[in-house]
């Protein structure tokens, strides 16, 4: 359970986001609630979401969060 939104979430990092999304929508019948270039959000229940991340995109994406030396609350 997340304390921010009060919903259960699961994240999967996949090599082929289109194939993974097709599996969850076609085979399991989960609807996609949001879609971005590197991410798909699928509704798994009333208060739960499955988030698919494209590993290849994440490897090349620059983060605004420094790798070390960060301070404060995350």
PDB file of N, CA and C in Angstrom:
ATOM      1  N   UNK A   1       0.853  -1.196   0.000  1.00  0.00           N
ATOM      2  CA  UNK A   1       0.000   0.000   0.000  1.00  0.00           C
ATOM      3  C   UNK A   1       0.883   1.238   0.000  1.00  0.00           C
ATOM      4  N   UNK A   2       0.581   2.154  -0.870  1.00  0.00           N
ATOM      5  CA  UNK A   2       1.300   3.412  -0.849  1.00  0.00           C
ATOM      6  C   UNK A   2       0.584   4.375   0.077  1.00  0.00           C
ATOM      7  N   UNK A   3       1.354   5.169   0.782  1.00  0.00           N
ATOM      8  CA  UNK A   3       0.733   6.131   1.685  1.00  0.00           C
ATOM      9  C   UNK A   3       0.289   7.384   0.943  1.00  0.00           C
ATOM     10  N   UNK A   4       0.827   7.599  -0.258  1.00  0.00           N
ATOM     11  CA  UNK A   4       0.464   8.799  -1.004  1.00  0.00           C
ATOM     12  C   UNK A   4      -0.935   8.666  -1.606  1.00  0.00           C
ATOM     13  N   UNK A   5      -1.154   7.598  -2.331  1.00  0.00           N
ATOM     14  CA  UNK A   5      -2.444   7.462  -3.013  1.00  0.00           C
ATOM     15  C   UNK A   5      -3.352   6.416  -2.391  1.00  0.00           C
ATOM     16  N   UNK A   6      -2.852   5.666  -1.429  1.00  0.00           N
ATOM     17  CA  UNK A   6      -3.684   4.676  -0.753  1.00  0.00           C
ATOM     18  C   UNK A   6      -4.079   3.500  -1.625  1.00  0.00           C
ATOM     19  N   UNK A   7      -3.252   3.164  -2.609  1.00  0.00           N
ATOM     20  CA  UNK A   7      -3.558   2.037  -3.483  1.00  0.00           C
ATOM     21  C   UNK A   7      -2.379   1.073  -3.514  1.00  0.00           C
ATOM     22  N   UNK A   8      -2.675  -0.184  -3.786  1.00  0.00           N
ATOM     23  CA  UNK A   8      -1.625  -1.181  -3.936  1.00  0.00           C
ATOM     24  C   UNK A   8      -1.058  -1.069  -5.342  1.00  0.00           C
ATOM     25  N   UNK A   9       0.257  -1.118  -5.469  1.00  0.00           N
ATOM     26  CA  UNK A   9       0.883  -1.021  -6.774  1.00  0.00           C
ATOM     27  C   UNK A   9       1.974  -2.068  -6.920  1.00  0.00           C
ATOM     28  N   UNK A  10       2.178  -2.492  -8.162  1.00  0.00           N
ATOM     29  CA  UNK A  10       3.240  -3.433  -8.487  1.00  0.00           C
ATOM     30  C   UNK A  10       3.939  -2.896  -9.725  1.00  0.00           C
ATOM     31  N   UNK A  11       5.254  -2.930  -9.736  1.00  0.00           N
ATOM     32  CA  UNK A  11       6.016  -2.459 -10.896  1.00  0.00           C
ATOM     33  C   UNK A  11       6.809  -3.615 -11.485  1.00  0.00           C
ATOM     34  N   UNK A  12       6.758  -3.731 -12.808  1.00  0.00           N
ATOM     35  CA  UNK A  12       7.550  -4.726 -13.526  1.00  0.00           C
ATOM     36  C   UNK A  12       8.418  -4.012 -14.542  1.00  0.00           C
ATOM     37  N   UNK A  13       9.663  -4.427 -14.620  1.00  0.00           N
ATOM     38  CA  UNK A  13      10.595  -3.875 -15.593  1.00  0.00           C
ATOM     39  C   UNK A  13      10.728  -4.905 -16.711  1.00  0.00           C
ATOM     40  N   UNK A  14      10.345  -4.534 -17.933  1.00  0.00           N
ATOM     41  CA  UNK A  14      10.259  -5.495 -19.031  1.00  0.00           C
ATOM     42  C   UNK A  14      11.137  -5.065 -20.205  1.00  0.00           C
ATOM     43  N   UNK A  15      11.570  -6.049 -20.999  1.00  0.00           N
ATOM     44  CA  UNK A  15      12.416  -5.785 -22.162  1.00  0.00           C
ATOM     45  C   UNK A  15      11.593  -5.358 -23.376  1.00  0.00           C
ATOM     46  N   UNK A  16      10.348  -5.796 -23.452  1.00  0.00           N
ATOM     47  CA  UNK A  16       9.481  -5.462 -24.593  1.00  0.00           C
ATOM     48  C   UNK A  16       8.138  -4.995 -24.038  1.00  0.00           C
ATOM     49  N   UNK A  17       7.992  -3.684 -23.894  1.00  0.00           N
ATOM     50  CA  UNK A  17       6.807  -3.142 -23.226  1.00  0.00           C
ATOM     51  C   UNK A  17       5.527  -3.407 -24.022  1.00  0.00           C
ATOM     52  N   UNK A  18       5.592  -3.361 -25.347  1.00  0.00           N
ATOM     53  CA  UNK A  18       4.397  -3.610 -26.157  1.00  0.00           C
ATOM     54  C   UNK A  18       3.921  -5.052 -26.003  1.00  0.00           C
ATOM     55  N   UNK A  19       4.858  -5.976 -25.999  1.00  0.00           N
ATOM     56  CA  UNK A  19       4.505  -7.396 -25.844  1.00  0.00           C
ATOM     57  C   UNK A  19       3.947  -7.674 -24.452  1.00  0.00           C
ATOM     58  N   UNK A  20       4.568  -7.088 -23.428  1.00  0.00           N
ATOM     59  CA  UNK A  20       4.090  -7.273 -22.059  1.00  0.00           C
ATOM     60  C   UNK A  20       2.702  -6.669 -21.884  1.00  0.00           C
ATOM     61  N   UNK A  21       2.500  -5.462 -22.412  1.00  0.00           N
ATOM     62  CA  UNK A  21       1.188  -4.823 -22.303  1.00  0.00           C
ATOM     63  C   UNK A  21       0.133  -5.636 -23.036  1.00  0.00           C
ATOM     64  N   UNK A  22       0.483  -6.175 -24.208  1.00  0.00           N
ATOM     65  CA  UNK A  22      -0.457  -7.005 -24.972  1.00  0.00           C
ATOM     66  C   UNK A  22      -0.841  -8.251 -24.190  1.00  0.00           C
ATOM     67  N   UNK A  23       0.124  -8.857 -23.497  1.00  0.00           N
ATOM     68  CA  UNK A  23      -0.181 -10.033 -22.687  1.00  0.00           C
ATOM     69  C   UNK A  23      -1.198  -9.704 -21.601  1.00  0.00           C
ATOM     70  N   UNK A  24      -0.917  -8.647 -20.849  1.00  0.00           N
ATOM     71  CA  UNK A  24      -1.804  -8.315 -19.726  1.00  0.00           C
ATOM     72  C   UNK A  24      -3.176  -7.839 -20.181  1.00  0.00           C
ATOM     73  N   UNK A  25      -3.257  -7.185 -21.331  1.00  0.00           N
ATOM     74  CA  UNK A  25      -4.567  -6.732 -21.802  1.00  0.00           C
ATOM     75  C   UNK A  25      -5.336  -7.842 -22.513  1.00  0.00           C
ATOM     76  N   UNK A  26      -4.645  -8.633 -23.329  1.00  0.00           N
ATOM     77  CA  UNK A  26      -5.314  -9.678 -24.103  1.00  0.00           C
ATOM     78  C   UNK A  26      -5.603 -10.928 -23.281  1.00  0.00           C
ATOM     79  N   UNK A  27      -4.588 -11.437 -22.628  1.00  0.00           N
ATOM     80  CA  UNK A  27      -4.726 -12.700 -21.895  1.00  0.00           C
ATOM     81  C   UNK A  27      -5.458 -12.507 -20.564  1.00  0.00           C
ATOM     82  N   UNK A  28      -5.082 -11.471 -19.817  1.00  0.00           N
ATOM     83  CA  UNK A  28      -5.685 -11.267 -18.504  1.00  0.00           C
ATOM     84  C   UNK A  28      -6.824 -10.256 -18.504  1.00  0.00           C
ATOM     85  N   UNK A  29      -7.002  -9.543 -19.600  1.00  0.00           N
ATOM     86  CA  UNK A  29      -8.110  -8.604 -19.713  1.00  0.00           C
ATOM     87  C   UNK A  29      -7.980  -7.349 -18.870  1.00  0.00           C
ATOM     88  N   UNK A  30      -6.751  -6.957 -18.545  1.00  0.00           N
ATOM     89  CA  UNK A  30      -6.552  -5.750 -17.739  1.00  0.00           C
ATOM     90  C   UNK A  30      -6.581  -4.515 -18.634  1.00  0.00           C
ATOM     91  N   UNK A  31      -7.324  -3.483 -18.257  1.00  0.00           N
ATOM     92  CA  UNK A  31      -7.347  -2.271 -19.061  1.00  0.00           C
ATOM     93  C   UNK A  31      -6.135  -1.382 -18.794  1.00  0.00           C
ATOM     94  N   UNK A  32      -5.649  -0.734 -19.841  1.00  0.00           N
ATOM     95  CA  UNK A  32      -4.583   0.252 -19.691  1.00  0.00           C
ATOM     96  C   UNK A  32      -5.229   1.573 -19.311  1.00  0.00           C
ATOM     97  N   UNK A  33      -4.811   2.125 -18.189  1.00  0.00           N
ATOM     98  CA  UNK A  33      -5.395   3.376 -17.711  1.00  0.00           C
ATOM     99  C   UNK A  33      -4.553   4.589 -18.083  1.00  0.00           C
ATOM    100  N   UNK A  34      -3.266   4.387 -18.367  1.00  0.00           N
ATOM    101  CA  UNK A  34      -2.395   5.463 -18.823  1.00  0.00           C
ATOM    102  C   UNK A  34      -1.257   4.851 -19.620  1.00  0.00           C
ATOM    103  N   UNK A  35      -0.819   5.566 -20.640  1.00  0.00           N
ATOM    104  CA  UNK A  35       0.226   5.050 -21.510  1.00  0.00           C
ATOM    105  C   UNK A  35       1.201   6.166 -21.862  1.00  0.00           C
ATOM    106  N   UNK A  36       2.482   5.891 -21.651  1.00  0.00           N
ATOM    107  CA  UNK A  36       3.549   6.811 -21.994  1.00  0.00           C
ATOM    108  C   UNK A  36       4.590   6.039 -22.797  1.00  0.00           C
ATOM    109  N   UNK A  37       5.568   6.718 -23.358  1.00  0.00           N
ATOM    110  CA  UNK A  37       6.562   6.046 -24.204  1.00  0.00           C
ATOM    111  C   UNK A  37       7.255   4.902 -23.482  1.00  0.00           C
ATOM    112  N   UNK A  38       7.592   5.103 -22.210  1.00  0.00           N
ATOM    113  CA  UNK A  38       8.356   4.090 -21.478  1.00  0.00           C
ATOM    114  C   UNK A  38       7.566   3.383 -20.387  1.00  0.00           C
ATOM    115  N   UNK A  39       6.267   3.684 -20.258  1.00  0.00           N
ATOM    116  CA  UNK A  39       5.483   3.159 -19.138  1.00  0.00           C
ATOM    117  C   UNK A  39       4.050   2.876 -19.550  1.00  0.00           C
ATOM    118  N   UNK A  40       3.484   1.805 -18.980  1.00  0.00           N
ATOM    119  CA  UNK A  40       2.061   1.515 -19.134  1.00  0.00           C
ATOM    120  C   UNK A  40       1.488   1.258 -17.737  1.00  0.00           C
ATOM    121  N   UNK A  41       0.345   1.845 -17.448  1.00  0.00           N
ATOM    122  CA  UNK A  41      -0.358   1.626 -16.188  1.00  0.00           C
ATOM    123  C   UNK A  41      -1.582   0.780 -16.486  1.00  0.00           C
ATOM    124  N   UNK A  42      -1.725  -0.348 -15.786  1.00  0.00           N
ATOM    125  CA  UNK A  42      -2.863  -1.232 -15.987  1.00  0.00           C
ATOM    126  C   UNK A  42      -3.636  -1.379 -14.688  1.00  0.00           C
ATOM    127  N   UNK A  43      -4.957  -1.327 -14.781  1.00  0.00           N
ATOM    128  CA  UNK A  43      -5.810  -1.448 -13.607  1.00  0.00           C
ATOM    129  C   UNK A  43      -5.990  -2.922 -13.283  1.00  0.00           C
ATOM    130  N   UNK A  44      -5.522  -3.344 -12.117  1.00  0.00           N
ATOM    131  CA  UNK A  44      -5.631  -4.751 -11.727  1.00  0.00           C
ATOM    132  C   UNK A  44      -6.759  -4.995 -10.731  1.00  0.00           C
ATOM    133  N   UNK A  45      -7.301  -3.943 -10.188  1.00  0.00           N
ATOM    134  CA  UNK A  45      -8.390  -4.055  -9.228  1.00  0.00           C
ATOM    135  C   UNK A  45      -8.922  -2.670  -8.924  1.00  0.00           C
ATOM    136  N   UNK A  46      -9.873  -2.608  -8.011  1.00  0.00           N
ATOM    137  CA  UNK A  46     -10.471  -1.325  -7.660  1.00  0.00           C
ATOM    138  C   UNK A  46      -9.421  -0.350  -7.147  1.00  0.00           C
ATOM    139  N   UNK A  47      -8.521  -0.832  -6.306  1.00  0.00           N
ATOM    140  CA  UNK A  47      -7.492   0.019  -5.718  1.00  0.00           C
ATOM    141  C   UNK A  47      -6.093  -0.511  -5.979  1.00  0.00           C
ATOM    142  N   UNK A  48      -5.854  -1.046  -7.170  1.00  0.00           N
ATOM    143  CA  UNK A  48      -4.520  -1.577  -7.453  1.00  0.00           C
ATOM    144  C   UNK A  48      -4.140  -1.350  -8.913  1.00  0.00           C
ATOM    145  N   UNK A  49      -2.849  -1.143  -9.114  1.00  0.00           N
ATOM    146  CA  UNK A  49      -2.320  -0.824 -10.432  1.00  0.00           C
ATOM    147  C   UNK A  49      -1.046  -1.612 -10.689  1.00  0.00           C
ATOM    148  N   UNK A  50      -0.896  -2.094 -11.914  1.00  0.00           N
ATOM    149  CA  UNK A  50       0.345  -2.714 -12.374  1.00  0.00           C
ATOM    150  C   UNK A  50       1.025  -1.699 -13.280  1.00  0.00           C
ATOM    151  N   UNK A  51       2.276  -1.398 -12.995  1.00  0.00           N
ATOM    152  CA  UNK A  51       3.026  -0.439 -13.806  1.00  0.00           C
ATOM    153  C   UNK A  51       4.137  -1.190 -14.533  1.00  0.00           C
ATOM    154  N   UNK A  52       4.133  -1.097 -15.854  1.00  0.00           N
ATOM    155  CA  UNK A  52       5.172  -1.714 -16.673  1.00  0.00           C
ATOM    156  C   UNK A  52       6.164  -0.639 -17.084  1.00  0.00           C
ATOM    157  N   UNK A  53       7.442  -0.897 -16.860  1.00  0.00           N
ATOM    158  CA  UNK A  53       8.500   0.025 -17.258  1.00  0.00           C
ATOM    159  C   UNK A  53       9.344  -0.631 -18.344  1.00  0.00           C
ATOM    160  N   UNK A  54       9.693   0.112 -19.382  1.00  0.00           N
ATOM    161  CA  UNK A  54      10.566  -0.361 -20.444  1.00  0.00           C
ATOM    162  C   UNK A  54      12.016  -0.214 -19.983  1.00  0.00           C
ATOM    163  N   UNK A  55      12.694  -1.337 -19.768  1.00  0.00           N
ATOM    164  CA  UNK A  55      14.050  -1.339 -19.242  1.00  0.00           C
ATOM    165  C   UNK A  55      15.011  -0.591 -20.171  1.00  0.00           C
ATOM    166  N   UNK A  56      14.899  -0.785 -21.468  1.00  0.00           N
ATOM    167  CA  UNK A  56      15.813  -0.136 -22.415  1.00  0.00           C
ATOM    168  C   UNK A  56      15.707   1.383 -22.330  1.00  0.00           C
ATOM    169  N   UNK A  57      14.498   1.902 -22.188  1.00  0.00           N
ATOM    170  CA  UNK A  57      14.305   3.347 -22.087  1.00  0.00           C
ATOM    171  C   UNK A  57      14.867   3.872 -20.778  1.00  0.00           C
ATOM    172  N   UNK A  58      14.659   3.131 -19.697  1.00  0.00           N
ATOM    173  CA  UNK A  58      15.147   3.576 -18.402  1.00  0.00           C
ATOM    174  C   UNK A  58      16.670   3.591 -18.342  1.00  0.00           C
ATOM    175  N   UNK A  59      17.328   2.690 -19.071  1.00  0.00           N
ATOM    176  CA  UNK A  59      18.787   2.634 -19.068  1.00  0.00           C
ATOM    177  C   UNK A  59      19.404   3.868 -19.721  1.00  0.00           C
ATOM    178  N   UNK A  60      18.698   4.455 -20.680  1.00  0.00           N
ATOM    179  CA  UNK A  60      19.250   5.595 -21.415  1.00  0.00           C
ATOM    180  C   UNK A  60      18.680   6.932 -20.958  1.00  0.00           C
ATOM    181  N   UNK A  61      17.705   6.912 -20.097  1.00  0.00           N
ATOM    182  CA  UNK A  61      17.047   8.134 -19.634  1.00  0.00           C
ATOM    183  C   UNK A  61      17.882   8.817 -18.552  1.00  0.00           C
ATOM    184  N   UNK A  62      18.025  10.127 -18.643  1.00  0.00           N
ATOM    185  CA  UNK A  62      18.755  10.878 -17.637  1.00  0.00           C
ATOM    186  C   UNK A  62      17.809  11.233 -16.501  1.00  0.00           C
ATOM    187  N   UNK A  63      18.272  11.052 -15.292  1.00  0.00           N
ATOM    188  CA  UNK A  63      17.470  11.341 -14.115  1.00  0.00           C
ATOM    189  C   UNK A  63      17.823  12.721 -13.567  1.00  0.00           C
ATOM    190  N   UNK A  64      16.803  13.409 -13.050  1.00  0.00           N
ATOM    191  CA  UNK A  64      17.051  14.697 -12.417  1.00  0.00           C
ATOM    192  C   UNK A  64      17.520  14.520 -10.979  1.00  0.00           C
ATOM    193  N   UNK A  65      17.487  13.285 -10.490  1.00  0.00           N
ATOM    194  CA  UNK A  65      17.897  12.980  -9.132  1.00  0.00           C
ATOM    195  C   UNK A  65      19.380  12.589  -9.147  1.00  0.00           C
ATOM    196  N   UNK A  66      20.223  13.240  -8.380  1.00  0.00           N
ATOM    197  CA  UNK A  66      21.643  12.895  -8.398  1.00  0.00           C
ATOM    198  C   UNK A  66      21.883  11.492  -7.854  1.00  0.00           C
ATOM    199  N   UNK A  67      22.912  10.848  -8.399  1.00  0.00           N
ATOM    200  CA  UNK A  67      23.219   9.478  -8.015  1.00  0.00           C
ATOM    201  C   UNK A  67      23.674   9.330  -6.580  1.00  0.00           C
ATOM    202  N   UNK A  68      24.240  10.376  -6.004  1.00  0.00           N
ATOM    203  CA  UNK A  68      24.689  10.331  -4.611  1.00  0.00           C
ATOM    204  C   UNK A  68      24.708  11.747  -4.059  1.00  0.00           C
ATOM    205  N   UNK A  69      24.764  11.850  -2.779  1.00  0.00           N
ATOM    206  CA  UNK A  69      24.854  13.155  -2.160  1.00  0.00           C
ATOM    207  C   UNK A  69      23.532  13.893  -2.001  1.00  0.00           C
ATOM    208  N   UNK A  70      22.426  13.255  -2.360  1.00  0.00           N
ATOM    209  CA  UNK A  70      21.125  13.904  -2.211  1.00  0.00           C
ATOM    210  C   UNK A  70      20.761  13.972  -0.746  1.00  0.00           C
ATOM    211  N   UNK A  71      20.111  15.043  -0.366  1.00  0.00           N
ATOM    212  CA  UNK A  71      19.686  15.207   1.002  1.00  0.00           C
ATOM    213  C   UNK A  71      18.214  15.555   1.065  1.00  0.00           C
ATOM    214  N   UNK A  72      17.627  15.356   2.227  1.00  0.00           N
ATOM    215  CA  UNK A  72      16.214  15.685   2.409  1.00  0.00           C
ATOM    216  C   UNK A  72      15.327  14.478   2.254  1.00  0.00           C
ATOM    217  N   UNK A  73      14.044  14.709   2.325  1.00  0.00           N
ATOM    218  CA  UNK A  73      13.083  13.616   2.221  1.00  0.00           C
ATOM    219  C   UNK A  73      12.846  13.273   0.764  1.00  0.00           C
ATOM    220  N   UNK A  74      12.753  11.967   0.494  1.00  0.00           N
ATOM    221  CA  UNK A  74      12.527  11.521  -0.880  1.00  0.00           C
ATOM    222  C   UNK A  74      11.070  11.465  -1.231  1.00  0.00           C
TER     223      UNK A  74
END
